[in-house]
Protein backbone atom coordinates (compact mmCIF):
# COMPACT_ATOMS: atom_id res chain seq x y z
CA UNK A 1 115.78 27.28 69.59
CA UNK A 2 113.87 30.24 70.74
CA UNK A 3 116.76 32.49 70.63
CA UNK A 4 117.21 31.39 67.44
CA UNK A 5 113.91 32.77 66.49
CA UNK A 6 113.71 36.10 68.40
CA UNK A 7 117.59 36.34 66.11
CA UNK A 8 115.67 35.61 63.14
CA UNK A 9 112.96 38.10 63.88
CA UNK A 10 115.19 40.91 64.54
CA UNK A 11 116.88 40.56 61.45
CA UNK A 12 114.08 40.98 59.37
CA UNK A 13 113.15 44.24 61.42
CA UNK A 14 116.29 45.34 60.60
CA UNK A 15 116.23 44.57 56.92
CA UNK A 16 113.04 46.18 57.01
CA UNK A 17 114.11 49.73 58.22
CA UNK A 18 116.91 49.53 55.76
CA UNK A 19 114.66 48.85 52.85
CA UNK A 20 111.89 51.41 54.05
CA UNK A 21 112.51 54.16 51.45
CA UNK A 22 111.36 54.15 48.13
CA UNK A 23 114.23 53.71 45.75
CA UNK A 24 113.95 56.59 43.28
CA UNK A 25 116.56 54.78 40.64
CA UNK A 26 114.13 51.87 40.23
CA UNK A 27 111.24 54.52 39.74
CA UNK A 28 113.18 56.39 37.25
CA UNK A 29 114.15 53.22 35.40
CA UNK A 30 110.79 51.90 35.44
CA UNK A 31 109.18 55.56 34.07
CA UNK A 32 112.19 55.44 31.44
CA UNK A 33 111.61 51.81 30.19
CA UNK A 34 108.00 52.91 29.79
CA UNK A 35 108.55 55.97 27.65
CA UNK A 36 111.12 54.30 25.59
CA UNK A 37 108.52 51.91 24.74
CA UNK A 38 105.96 54.87 23.94
CA UNK A 39 108.64 56.61 21.70
CA UNK A 40 110.56 53.31 20.54
CA UNK A 41 113.82 54.12 21.86
CA UNK A 42 114.29 51.86 24.92
CA UNK A 43 117.95 52.90 25.31
CA UNK A 44 117.31 56.63 25.48
CA UNK A 45 114.52 55.78 27.84
CA UNK A 46 116.75 54.00 29.97
CA UNK A 47 119.73 56.86 30.34
CA UNK A 48 116.58 59.12 30.89
CA UNK A 49 115.39 57.21 33.62
CA UNK A 50 118.55 56.69 35.22
CA UNK A 51 119.31 60.07 35.14
CA UNK A 52 115.87 61.57 36.57
CA UNK A 53 116.38 58.64 39.29
CA UNK A 54 120.33 59.50 40.53
CA UNK A 55 119.09 62.92 40.55
CA UNK A 56 115.95 62.41 42.80
CA UNK A 57 118.15 60.66 44.83
CA UNK A 58 120.38 63.22 45.34
CA UNK A 59 117.68 65.50 46.05
CA UNK A 60 116.27 63.20 48.94
CA UNK A 61 119.75 62.71 50.23
CA UNK A 62 120.60 66.61 51.03
CA UNK A 63 116.66 67.04 52.26
CA UNK A 64 117.21 64.34 54.99
CA UNK A 65 120.64 66.24 55.89
């Protein structure tokens, strides 16, 4: 029983390391929906949010290399 609990804790630590960074795509979509709602054009807002998020992810990945 104790080994199973330790393995579970190790798995949680590994998952925390993987998901610790910010997902700029999600942030971009959230901002895109907000601006899309403000300008009454949700589709355009989401599209621009995704494009902005992907661009920020690309910049982030270049800095990490």
